[in-house]
Amino acid sequence: SPDEPQDHLIRSALDETGTGPGPGV
């Protein structure tokens, strides 16, 4: 929804990369 923050999209995309230790971003 363009009316809502999209930080969850970024977090899930970062998790899906599999790069780094994961938590802490």
mmCIF file of all heavy atoms, coordinates in Angstrom:
data_MODEL
# 
_entry.id   MODEL 
# 
loop_
_atom_site.group_PDB 
_atom_site.id 
_atom_site.type_symbol 
_atom_site.label_atom_id 
_atom_site.label_alt_id 
_atom_site.label_comp_id 
_atom_site.label_asym_id 
_atom_site.label_entity_id 
_atom_site.label_seq_id 
_atom_site.pdbx_PDB_ins_code 
_atom_site.Cartn_x 
_atom_site.Cartn_y 
_atom_site.Cartn_z 
_atom_site.occupancy 
_atom_site.B_iso_or_equiv 
_atom_site.pdbx_formal_charge 
_atom_site.auth_seq_id 
_atom_site.auth_comp_id 
_atom_site.auth_asym_id 
_atom_site.auth_atom_id 
_atom_site.pdbx_PDB_model_num 
ATOM 1   N N   . SER A 1 1  ? 0.855  -1.171  0.000  1.00 0.00 ? 1  SER A N   1 
ATOM 2   C CA  . SER A 1 1  ? 0.000  0.000   0.000  1.00 0.00 ? 1  SER A CA  1 
ATOM 3   C C   . SER A 1 1  ? 0.900  1.233   0.000  1.00 0.00 ? 1  SER A C   1 
ATOM 4   O O   . SER A 1 1  ? 1.755  1.370   0.873  1.00 0.00 ? 1  SER A O   1 
ATOM 5   C CB  . SER A 1 1  ? -0.899 0.015   1.239  1.00 0.00 ? 1  SER A CB  1 
ATOM 6   O OG  . SER A 1 1  ? -1.558 1.250   1.343  1.00 0.00 ? 1  SER A OG  1 
ATOM 7   N N   . PRO A 1 2  ? 0.744  2.130   -0.959 1.00 0.00 ? 2  PRO A N   1 
ATOM 8   C CA  . PRO A 1 2  ? 1.605  3.307   -0.996 1.00 0.00 ? 2  PRO A CA  1 
ATOM 9   C C   . PRO A 1 2  ? 1.410  4.235   0.194  1.00 0.00 ? 2  PRO A C   1 
ATOM 10  O O   . PRO A 1 2  ? 2.240  5.099   0.446  1.00 0.00 ? 2  PRO A O   1 
ATOM 11  C CB  . PRO A 1 2  ? 1.230  3.996   -2.307 1.00 0.00 ? 2  PRO A CB  1 
ATOM 12  C CG  . PRO A 1 2  ? 0.020  3.337   -2.809 1.00 0.00 ? 2  PRO A CG  1 
ATOM 13  C CD  . PRO A 1 2  ? -0.179 2.066   -2.071 1.00 0.00 ? 2  PRO A CD  1 
ATOM 14  N N   . ASP A 1 3  ? 0.329  4.051   0.939  1.00 0.00 ? 3  ASP A N   1 
ATOM 15  C CA  . ASP A 1 3  ? 0.053  4.890   2.092  1.00 0.00 ? 3  ASP A CA  1 
ATOM 16  C C   . ASP A 1 3  ? 0.740  4.403   3.363  1.00 0.00 ? 3  ASP A C   1 
ATOM 17  O O   . ASP A 1 3  ? 0.725  5.086   4.377  1.00 0.00 ? 3  ASP A O   1 
ATOM 18  C CB  . ASP A 1 3  ? -1.459 4.955   2.346  1.00 0.00 ? 3  ASP A CB  1 
ATOM 19  C CG  . ASP A 1 3  ? -2.197 5.510   1.138  1.00 0.00 ? 3  ASP A CG  1 
ATOM 20  O OD1 . ASP A 1 3  ? -1.623 6.367   0.439  1.00 0.00 ? 3  ASP A OD1 1 
ATOM 21  O OD2 . ASP A 1 3  ? -3.340 5.072   0.895  1.00 0.00 ? 3  ASP A OD2 1 
ATOM 22  N N   . GLU A 1 4  ? 1.339  3.220   3.322  1.00 0.00 ? 4  GLU A N   1 
ATOM 23  C CA  . GLU A 1 4  ? 1.984  2.622   4.498  1.00 0.00 ? 4  GLU A CA  1 
ATOM 24  C C   . GLU A 1 4  ? 3.496  2.609   4.330  1.00 0.00 ? 4  GLU A C   1 
ATOM 25  O O   . GLU A 1 4  ? 4.003  2.584   3.215  1.00 0.00 ? 4  GLU A O   1 
ATOM 26  C CB  . GLU A 1 4  ? 1.487  1.174   4.682  1.00 0.00 ? 4  GLU A CB  1 
ATOM 27  C CG  . GLU A 1 4  ? 0.002  1.054   4.922  1.00 0.00 ? 4  GLU A CG  1 
ATOM 28  C CD  . GLU A 1 4  ? -0.422 1.626   6.256  1.00 0.00 ? 4  GLU A CD  1 
ATOM 29  O OE1 . GLU A 1 4  ? 0.338  1.488   7.244  1.00 0.00 ? 4  GLU A OE1 1 
ATOM 30  O OE2 . GLU A 1 4  ? -1.499 2.234   6.306  1.00 0.00 ? 4  GLU A OE2 1 
ATOM 31  N N   . PRO A 1 5  ? 4.253  2.590   5.437  1.00 0.00 ? 5  PRO A N   1 
ATOM 32  C CA  . PRO A 1 5  ? 5.712  2.452   5.335  1.00 0.00 ? 5  PRO A CA  1 
ATOM 33  C C   . PRO A 1 5  ? 6.077  1.105   4.705  1.00 0.00 ? 5  PRO A C   1 
ATOM 34  O O   . PRO A 1 5  ? 5.389  0.105   4.910  1.00 0.00 ? 5  PRO A O   1 
ATOM 35  C CB  . PRO A 1 5  ? 6.188  2.502   6.789  1.00 0.00 ? 5  PRO A CB  1 
ATOM 36  C CG  . PRO A 1 5  ? 5.056  3.066   7.570  1.00 0.00 ? 5  PRO A CG  1 
ATOM 37  C CD  . PRO A 1 5  ? 3.805  2.756   6.811  1.00 0.00 ? 5  PRO A CD  1 
ATOM 38  N N   . GLN A 1 6  ? 7.161  1.097   3.957  1.00 0.00 ? 6  GLN A N   1 
ATOM 39  C CA  . GLN A 1 6  ? 7.561  -0.111  3.227  1.00 0.00 ? 6  GLN A CA  1 
ATOM 40  C C   . GLN A 1 6  ? 8.835  -0.743  3.801  1.00 0.00 ? 6  GLN A C   1 
ATOM 41  O O   . GLN A 1 6  ? 9.501  -1.516  3.128  1.00 0.00 ? 6  GLN A O   1 
ATOM 42  C CB  . GLN A 1 6  ? 7.774  0.225   1.748  1.00 0.00 ? 6  GLN A CB  1 
ATOM 43  C CG  . GLN A 1 6  ? 6.575  0.860   1.090  1.00 0.00 ? 6  GLN A CG  1 
ATOM 44  C CD  . GLN A 1 6  ? 5.312  0.025   1.192  1.00 0.00 ? 6  GLN A CD  1 
ATOM 45  O OE1 . GLN A 1 6  ? 5.361  -1.192  1.074  1.00 0.00 ? 6  GLN A OE1 1 
ATOM 46  N NE2 . GLN A 1 6  ? 4.193  0.664   1.425  1.00 0.00 ? 6  GLN A NE2 1 
ATOM 47  N N   . ASP A 1 7  ? 9.152  -0.443  5.064  1.00 0.00 ? 7  ASP A N   1 
ATOM 48  C CA  . ASP A 1 7  ? 10.369 -0.999  5.655  1.00 0.00 ? 7  ASP A CA  1 
ATOM 49  C C   . ASP A 1 7  ? 10.331 -2.524  5.714  1.00 0.00 ? 7  ASP A C   1 
ATOM 50  O O   . ASP A 1 7  ? 11.367 -3.181  5.618  1.00 0.00 ? 7  ASP A O   1 
ATOM 51  C CB  . ASP A 1 7  ? 10.655 -0.400  7.026  1.00 0.00 ? 7  ASP A CB  1 
ATOM 52  C CG  . ASP A 1 7  ? 9.492  -0.537  7.992  1.00 0.00 ? 7  ASP A CG  1 
ATOM 53  O OD1 . ASP A 1 7  ? 8.351  -0.726  7.539  1.00 0.00 ? 7  ASP A OD1 1 
ATOM 54  O OD2 . ASP A 1 7  ? 9.736  -0.462  9.199  1.00 0.00 ? 7  ASP A OD2 1 
ATOM 55  N N   . HIS A 1 8  ? 9.142  -3.112  5.831  1.00 0.00 ? 8  HIS A N   1 
ATOM 56  C CA  . HIS A 1 8  ? 9.038  -4.575  5.847  1.00 0.00 ? 8  HIS A CA  1 
ATOM 57  C C   . HIS A 1 8  ? 9.470  -5.187  4.516  1.00 0.00 ? 8  HIS A C   1 
ATOM 58  O O   . HIS A 1 8  ? 10.038 -6.272  4.484  1.00 0.00 ? 8  HIS A O   1 
ATOM 59  C CB  . HIS A 1 8  ? 7.616  -5.012  6.216  1.00 0.00 ? 8  HIS A CB  1 
ATOM 60  C CG  . HIS A 1 8  ? 6.590  -4.639  5.188  1.00 0.00 ? 8  HIS A CG  1 
ATOM 61  N ND1 . HIS A 1 8  ? 6.099  -3.365  5.076  1.00 0.00 ? 8  HIS A ND1 1 
ATOM 62  C CD2 . HIS A 1 8  ? 6.007  -5.362  4.212  1.00 0.00 ? 8  HIS A CD2 1 
ATOM 63  C CE1 . HIS A 1 8  ? 5.235  -3.318  4.080  1.00 0.00 ? 8  HIS A CE1 1 
ATOM 64  N NE2 . HIS A 1 8  ? 5.158  -4.523  3.531  1.00 0.00 ? 8  HIS A NE2 1 
ATOM 65  N N   . LEU A 1 9  ? 9.209  -4.490  3.396  1.00 0.00 ? 9  LEU A N   1 
ATOM 66  C CA  . LEU A 1 9  ? 9.673  -4.986  2.099  1.00 0.00 ? 9  LEU A CA  1 
ATOM 67  C C   . LEU A 1 9  ? 11.198 -5.019  2.048  1.00 0.00 ? 9  LEU A C   1 
ATOM 68  O O   . LEU A 1 9  ? 11.796 -5.977  1.553  1.00 0.00 ? 9  LEU A O   1 
ATOM 69  C CB  . LEU A 1 9  ? 9.162  -4.090  0.965  1.00 0.00 ? 9  LEU A CB  1 
ATOM 70  C CG  . LEU A 1 9  ? 7.697  -4.173  0.584  1.00 0.00 ? 9  LEU A CG  1 
ATOM 71  C CD1 . LEU A 1 9  ? 7.379  -3.175  -0.521 1.00 0.00 ? 9  LEU A CD1 1 
ATOM 72  C CD2 . LEU A 1 9  ? 7.340  -5.573  0.144  1.00 0.00 ? 9  LEU A CD2 1 
ATOM 73  N N   . ILE A 1 10 ? 11.820 -3.989  2.570  1.00 0.00 ? 10 ILE A N   1 
ATOM 74  C CA  . ILE A 1 10 ? 13.286 -3.909  2.554  1.00 0.00 ? 10 ILE A CA  1 
ATOM 75  C C   . ILE A 1 10 ? 13.878 -4.973  3.464  1.00 0.00 ? 10 ILE A C   1 
ATOM 76  O O   . ILE A 1 10 ? 14.824 -5.668  3.091  1.00 0.00 ? 10 ILE A O   1 
ATOM 77  C CB  . ILE A 1 10 ? 13.760 -2.500  2.960  1.00 0.00 ? 10 ILE A CB  1 
ATOM 78  C CG1 . ILE A 1 10 ? 13.259 -1.474  1.942  1.00 0.00 ? 10 ILE A CG1 1 
ATOM 79  C CG2 . ILE A 1 10 ? 15.271 -2.450  3.089  1.00 0.00 ? 10 ILE A CG2 1 
ATOM 80  C CD1 . ILE A 1 10 ? 13.474 -0.038  2.349  1.00 0.00 ? 10 ILE A CD1 1 
ATOM 81  N N   . ARG A 1 11 ? 13.318 -5.126  4.670  1.00 0.00 ? 11 ARG A N   1 
ATOM 82  C CA  . ARG A 1 11 ? 13.834 -6.139  5.603  1.00 0.00 ? 11 ARG A CA  1 
ATOM 83  C C   . ARG A 1 11 ? 13.738 -7.546  5.016  1.00 0.00 ? 11 ARG A C   1 
ATOM 84  O O   . ARG A 1 11 ? 14.667 -8.334  5.104  1.00 0.00 ? 11 ARG A O   1 
ATOM 85  C CB  . ARG A 1 11 ? 13.077 -6.070  6.919  1.00 0.00 ? 11 ARG A CB  1 
ATOM 86  C CG  . ARG A 1 11 ? 13.548 -4.977  7.817  1.00 0.00 ? 11 ARG A CG  1 
ATOM 87  C CD  . ARG A 1 11 ? 13.023 -5.161  9.238  1.00 0.00 ? 11 ARG A CD  1 
ATOM 88  N NE  . ARG A 1 11 ? 13.368 -4.008  10.021 1.00 0.00 ? 11 ARG A NE  1 
ATOM 89  C CZ  . ARG A 1 11 ? 12.607 -2.932  10.177 1.00 0.00 ? 11 ARG A CZ  1 
ATOM 90  N NH1 . ARG A 1 11 ? 11.428 -2.887  9.596  1.00 0.00 ? 11 ARG A NH1 1 
ATOM 91  N NH2 . ARG A 1 11 ? 13.018 -1.920  10.910 1.00 0.00 ? 11 ARG A NH2 1 
ATOM 92  N N   . SER A 1 12 ? 12.600 -7.870  4.426  1.00 0.00 ? 12 SER A N   1 
ATOM 93  C CA  . SER A 1 12 ? 12.452 -9.213  3.868  1.00 0.00 ? 12 SER A CA  1 
ATOM 94  C C   . SER A 1 12 ? 13.373 -9.410  2.663  1.00 0.00 ? 12 SER A C   1 
ATOM 95  O O   . SER A 1 12 ? 13.930 -10.497 2.473  1.00 0.00 ? 12 SER A O   1 
ATOM 96  C CB  . SER A 1 12 ? 11.003 -9.511  3.504  1.00 0.00 ? 12 SER A CB  1 
ATOM 97  O OG  . SER A 1 12 ? 10.560 -8.668  2.478  1.00 0.00 ? 12 SER A OG  1 
ATOM 98  N N   . ALA A 1 13 ? 13.578 -8.371  1.848  1.00 0.00 ? 13 ALA A N   1 
ATOM 99  C CA  . ALA A 1 13 ? 14.504 -8.485  0.717  1.00 0.00 ? 13 ALA A CA  1 
ATOM 100 C C   . ALA A 1 13 ? 15.938 -8.662  1.213  1.00 0.00 ? 13 ALA A C   1 
ATOM 101 O O   . ALA A 1 13 ? 16.705 -9.432  0.635  1.00 0.00 ? 13 ALA A O   1 
ATOM 102 C CB  . ALA A 1 13 ? 14.398 -7.258  -0.183 1.00 0.00 ? 13 ALA A CB  1 
ATOM 103 N N   . LEU A 1 14 ? 16.306 -7.974  2.291  1.00 0.00 ? 14 LEU A N   1 
ATOM 104 C CA  . LEU A 1 14 ? 17.644 -8.144  2.869  1.00 0.00 ? 14 LEU A CA  1 
ATOM 105 C C   . LEU A 1 14 ? 17.824 -9.558  3.401  1.00 0.00 ? 14 LEU A C   1 
ATOM 106 O O   . LEU A 1 14 ? 18.879 -10.174 3.212  1.00 0.00 ? 14 LEU A O   1 
ATOM 107 C CB  . LEU A 1 14 ? 17.880 -7.132  3.992  1.00 0.00 ? 14 LEU A CB  1 
ATOM 108 C CG  . LEU A 1 14 ? 18.147 -5.690  3.568  1.00 0.00 ? 14 LEU A CG  1 
ATOM 109 C CD1 . LEU A 1 14 ? 18.066 -4.763  4.771  1.00 0.00 ? 14 LEU A CD1 1 
ATOM 110 C CD2 . LEU A 1 14 ? 19.485 -5.571  2.882  1.00 0.00 ? 14 LEU A CD2 1 
ATOM 111 N N   . ASP A 1 15 ? 16.795 -10.093 4.066  1.00 0.00 ? 15 ASP A N   1 
ATOM 112 C CA  . ASP A 1 15 ? 16.875 -11.462 4.588  1.00 0.00 ? 15 ASP A CA  1 
ATOM 113 C C   . ASP A 1 15 ? 17.013 -12.484 3.464  1.00 0.00 ? 15 ASP A C   1 
ATOM 114 O O   . ASP A 1 15 ? 17.732 -13.467 3.590  1.00 0.00 ? 15 ASP A O   1 
ATOM 115 C CB  . ASP A 1 15 ? 15.647 -11.795 5.437  1.00 0.00 ? 15 ASP A CB  1 
ATOM 116 C CG  . ASP A 1 15 ? 15.632 -11.051 6.762  1.00 0.00 ? 15 ASP A CG  1 
ATOM 117 O OD1 . ASP A 1 15 ? 16.704 -10.549 7.182  1.00 0.00 ? 15 ASP A OD1 1 
ATOM 118 O OD2 . ASP A 1 15 ? 14.547 -10.971 7.371  1.00 0.00 ? 15 ASP A OD2 1 
ATOM 119 N N   . GLU A 1 16 ? 16.290 -12.253 2.368  1.00 0.00 ? 16 GLU A N   1 
ATOM 120 C CA  . GLU A 1 16 ? 16.300 -13.198 1.252  1.00 0.00 ? 16 GLU A CA  1 
ATOM 121 C C   . GLU A 1 16 ? 17.631 -13.226 0.504  1.00 0.00 ? 16 GLU A C   1 
ATOM 122 O O   . GLU A 1 16 ? 17.914 -14.192 -0.195 1.00 0.00 ? 16 GLU A O   1 
ATOM 123 C CB  . GLU A 1 16 ? 15.171 -12.881 0.278  1.00 0.00 ? 16 GLU A CB  1 
ATOM 124 C CG  . GLU A 1 16 ? 13.803 -13.212 0.830  1.00 0.00 ? 16 GLU A CG  1 
ATOM 125 C CD  . GLU A 1 16 ? 12.669 -12.779 -0.087 1.00 0.00 ? 16 GLU A CD  1 
ATOM 126 O OE1 . GLU A 1 16 ? 12.949 -12.324 -1.229 1.00 0.00 ? 16 GLU A OE1 1 
ATOM 127 O OE2 . GLU A 1 16 ? 11.512 -12.877 0.336  1.00 0.00 ? 16 GLU A OE2 1 
ATOM 128 N N   . THR A 1 17 ? 18.463 -12.198 0.661  1.00 0.00 ? 17 THR A N   1 
ATOM 129 C CA  . THR A 1 17 ? 19.761 -12.215 -0.029 1.00 0.00 ? 17 THR A CA  1 
ATOM 130 C C   . THR A 1 17 ? 20.675 -13.273 0.558  1.00 0.00 ? 17 THR A C   1 
ATOM 131 O O   . THR A 1 17 ? 21.529 -13.805 -0.143 1.00 0.00 ? 17 THR A O   1 
ATOM 132 C CB  . THR A 1 17 ? 20.472 -10.852 0.056  1.00 0.00 ? 17 THR A CB  1 
ATOM 133 O OG1 . THR A 1 17 ? 20.812 -10.571 1.419  1.00 0.00 ? 17 THR A OG1 1 
ATOM 134 C CG2 . THR A 1 17 ? 19.633 -9.751  -0.539 1.00 0.00 ? 17 THR A CG2 1 
ATOM 135 N N   . GLY A 1 18 ? 20.521 -13.583 1.846  1.00 0.00 ? 18 GLY A N   1 
ATOM 136 C CA  . GLY A 1 18 ? 21.382 -14.573 2.489  1.00 0.00 ? 18 GLY A CA  1 
ATOM 137 C C   . GLY A 1 18 ? 22.779 -14.066 2.758  1.00 0.00 ? 18 GLY A C   1 
ATOM 138 O O   . GLY A 1 18 ? 23.661 -14.826 3.139  1.00 0.00 ? 18 GLY A O   1 
ATOM 139 N N   . THR A 1 19 ? 23.010 -12.784 2.596  1.00 0.00 ? 19 THR A N   1 
ATOM 140 C CA  . THR A 1 19 ? 24.325 -12.192 2.816  1.00 0.00 ? 19 THR A CA  1 
ATOM 141 C C   . THR A 1 19 ? 24.430 -11.724 4.256  1.00 0.00 ? 19 THR A C   1 
ATOM 142 O O   . THR A 1 19 ? 23.482 -11.193 4.813  1.00 0.00 ? 19 THR A O   1 
ATOM 143 C CB  . THR A 1 19 ? 24.536 -10.999 1.866  1.00 0.00 ? 19 THR A CB  1 
ATOM 144 O OG1 . THR A 1 19 ? 24.340 -11.441 0.534  1.00 0.00 ? 19 THR A OG1 1 
ATOM 145 C CG2 . THR A 1 19 ? 25.919 -10.417 2.011  1.00 0.00 ? 19 THR A CG2 1 
ATOM 146 N N   . GLY A 1 20 ? 25.599 -11.914 4.851  1.00 0.00 ? 20 GLY A N   1 
ATOM 147 C CA  . GLY A 1 20 ? 25.839 -11.441 6.212  1.00 0.00 ? 20 GLY A CA  1 
ATOM 148 C C   . GLY A 1 20 ? 25.238 -12.353 7.249  1.00 0.00 ? 20 GLY A C   1 
ATOM 149 O O   . GLY A 1 20 ? 24.611 -13.358 6.938  1.00 0.00 ? 20 GLY A O   1 
ATOM 150 N N   . PRO A 1 21 ? 25.425 -11.994 8.522  1.00 0.00 ? 21 PRO A N   1 
ATOM 151 C CA  . PRO A 1 21 ? 24.926 -12.846 9.603  1.00 0.00 ? 21 PRO A CA  1 
ATOM 152 C C   . PRO A 1 21 ? 23.412 -12.782 9.797  1.00 0.00 ? 21 PRO A C   1 
ATOM 153 O O   . PRO A 1 21 ? 22.861 -13.575 10.534 1.00 0.00 ? 21 PRO A O   1 
ATOM 154 C CB  . PRO A 1 21 ? 25.651 -12.305 10.835 1.00 0.00 ? 21 PRO A CB  1 
ATOM 155 C CG  . PRO A 1 21 ? 26.049 -10.926 10.495 1.00 0.00 ? 21 PRO A CG  1 
ATOM 156 C CD  . PRO A 1 21 ? 26.236 -10.892 9.010  1.00 0.00 ? 21 PRO A CD  1 
ATOM 157 N N   . GLY A 1 22 ? 22.732 -11.860 9.134  1.00 0.00 ? 22 GLY A N   1 
ATOM 158 C CA  . GLY A 1 22 ? 21.275 -11.804 9.232  1.00 0.00 ? 22 GLY A CA  1 
ATOM 159 C C   . GLY A 1 22 ? 20.781 -10.742 10.182 1.00 0.00 ? 22 GLY A C   1 
ATOM 160 O O   . GLY A 1 22 ? 20.492 -9.633  9.764  1.00 0.00 ? 22 GLY A O   1 
ATOM 161 N N   . PRO A 1 23 ? 20.675 -11.033 11.493 1.00 0.00 ? 23 PRO A N   1 
ATOM 162 C CA  . PRO A 1 23 ? 20.124 -10.030 12.403 1.00 0.00 ? 23 PRO A CA  1 
ATOM 163 C C   . PRO A 1 23 ? 21.087 -8.858  12.586 1.00 0.00 ? 23 PRO A C   1 
ATOM 164 O O   . PRO A 1 23 ? 22.271 -8.953  12.293 1.00 0.00 ? 23 PRO A O   1 
ATOM 165 C CB  . PRO A 1 23 ? 19.933 -10.799 13.710 1.00 0.00 ? 23 PRO A CB  1 
ATOM 166 C CG  . PRO A 1 23 ? 20.834 -11.963 13.622 1.00 0.00 ? 23 PRO A CG  1 
ATOM 167 C CD  . PRO A 1 23 ? 21.006 -12.271 12.166 1.00 0.00 ? 23 PRO A CD  1 
ATOM 168 N N   . GLY A 1 24 ? 20.547 -7.762  13.070 1.00 0.00 ? 24 GLY A N   1 
ATOM 169 C CA  . GLY A 1 24 ? 21.388 -6.612  13.359 1.00 0.00 ? 24 GLY A CA  1 
ATOM 170 C C   . GLY A 1 24 ? 21.270 -5.484  12.353 1.00 0.00 ? 24 GLY A C   1 
ATOM 171 O O   . GLY A 1 24 ? 21.914 -4.459  12.492 1.00 0.00 ? 24 GLY A O   1 
ATOM 172 N N   . VAL A 1 25 ? 20.434 -5.639  11.329 1.00 0.00 ? 25 VAL A N   1 
ATOM 173 C CA  . VAL A 1 25 ? 20.256 -4.586  10.335 1.00 0.00 ? 25 VAL A CA  1 
ATOM 174 C C   . VAL A 1 25 ? 19.103 -3.690  10.778 1.00 0.00 ? 25 VAL A C   1 
ATOM 175 O O   . VAL A 1 25 ? 18.040 -4.161  11.144 1.00 0.00 ? 25 VAL A O   1 
ATOM 176 C CB  . VAL A 1 25 ? 19.963 -5.167  8.936  1.00 0.00 ? 25 VAL A CB  1 
ATOM 177 C CG1 . VAL A 1 25 ? 19.670 -4.068  7.947  1.00 0.00 ? 25 VAL A CG1 1 
ATOM 178 C CG2 . VAL A 1 25 ? 21.118 -6.001  8.470  1.00 0.00 ? 25 VAL A CG2 1 
# 
